[in-house]
Amino acid sequence: MSEELDPSDETSSSVDALTQSDAAIARVLEDLIDVLITKGVIQFTDLPEAAQNKLMTRRQTRAKLSNSLHLLPEDGDEGFL
């Protein structure tokens, strides 16, 4: 017997792949914006206000997450948390 692929499984798989790709592209764009700002090609304030707000929210969220994941001391720190 040959097994037929369920179209809904294929669609679900495609949606999952696009979702992961969207997240990766978003990170690439954030990094690109950071590089352009660092090199002086653009200024943060050149971006639309909505984009500035979204970028700031993501940066703050990543910083909070990064801080909460520091389980071991940084170089030069004494002891554990």
Protein backbone atom coordinates (compact mmCIF):
# COMPACT_ATOMS: atom_id res chain seq x y z
CA MET A 1 0.00 0.00 0.00
CA SER A 2 1.26 3.44 -0.81
CA GLU A 3 0.82 6.16 1.74
CA GLU A 4 -0.61 9.40 0.48
CA LEU A 5 0.56 12.68 1.99
CA ASP A 6 -2.07 14.55 3.90
CA PRO A 7 -2.28 18.05 2.34
CA SER A 8 -2.98 19.56 5.75
CA ASP A 9 0.30 18.12 7.08
CA GLU A 10 2.19 19.64 4.17
CA THR A 11 0.47 23.00 4.69
CA SER A 12 1.21 22.91 8.41
CA SER A 13 4.85 22.10 7.71
CA SER A 14 5.08 24.98 5.23
CA VAL A 15 3.51 27.40 7.70
CA ASP A 16 5.98 26.28 10.39
CA ALA A 17 8.89 26.79 7.99
CA LEU A 18 7.68 30.28 7.11
CA THR A 19 7.20 31.18 10.76
CA GLN A 20 10.77 30.12 11.58
CA SER A 21 12.05 31.97 8.52
CA ASP A 22 10.16 35.12 9.54
CA ALA A 23 11.79 35.06 12.97
CA ALA A 24 15.24 34.59 11.42
CA ILE A 25 14.69 37.41 8.91
CA ALA A 26 13.49 39.72 11.68
CA ARG A 27 16.74 39.10 13.58
CA VAL A 28 18.80 39.71 10.42
CA LEU A 29 17.01 43.01 9.85
CA GLU A 30 17.58 44.07 13.46
CA ASP A 31 21.28 43.30 13.11
CA LEU A 32 21.44 45.16 9.79
CA ILE A 33 19.79 48.21 11.31
CA ASP A 34 22.27 48.10 14.20
CA VAL A 35 25.21 47.96 11.77
CA LEU A 36 23.87 50.85 9.70
CA ILE A 37 23.39 52.95 12.84
CA THR A 38 26.83 52.05 14.21
CA LYS A 39 28.51 52.99 10.92
CA GLY A 40 26.60 56.27 10.81
CA VAL A 41 24.75 55.42 7.60
CA ILE A 42 21.41 56.07 9.29
CA GLN A 43 20.27 57.40 12.62
CA PHE A 44 17.79 55.59 14.82
CA THR A 45 15.51 58.61 14.56
CA ASP A 46 15.48 58.24 10.75
CA LEU A 47 13.25 55.20 11.23
CA PRO A 48 9.48 55.64 11.49
CA GLU A 49 8.27 56.00 15.06
CA ALA A 50 6.43 52.67 14.91
CA ALA A 51 9.65 50.92 13.84
CA GLN A 52 11.60 52.67 16.62
CA ASN A 53 9.07 51.48 19.19
CA LYS A 54 9.13 47.89 17.94
CA LEU A 55 12.93 47.79 17.89
CA MET A 56 13.17 49.26 21.39
CA THR A 57 10.62 46.77 22.74
CA ARG A 58 12.53 43.85 21.21
CA ARG A 59 15.88 45.14 22.52
CA GLN A 60 14.46 45.53 26.03
CA THR A 61 12.89 42.08 25.92
CA ARG A 62 16.14 40.49 24.70
CA ALA A 63 18.11 42.32 27.40
CA LYS A 64 15.74 41.09 30.12
CA LEU A 65 15.94 37.55 28.78
CA SER A 66 19.71 37.73 28.51
CA ASN A 67 20.00 38.98 32.09
CA SER A 68 17.74 36.24 33.41
CA LEU A 69 19.81 33.55 31.66
CA HIS A 70 23.17 34.52 33.22
CA LEU A 71 23.57 31.55 35.48
CA LEU A 72 27.35 31.70 35.75
CA PRO A 73 29.34 34.78 36.80
CA GLU A 74 30.96 36.98 34.19
CA ASP A 75 34.75 37.18 34.04
CA GLY A 76 35.93 39.03 37.10
CA ASP A 77 32.71 38.49 39.04
CA GLU A 78 32.98 36.78 42.37
CA GLY A 79 30.87 33.71 43.06
CA PHE A 80 27.47 32.83 41.74
CA LEU A 81 24.25 34.78 41.65
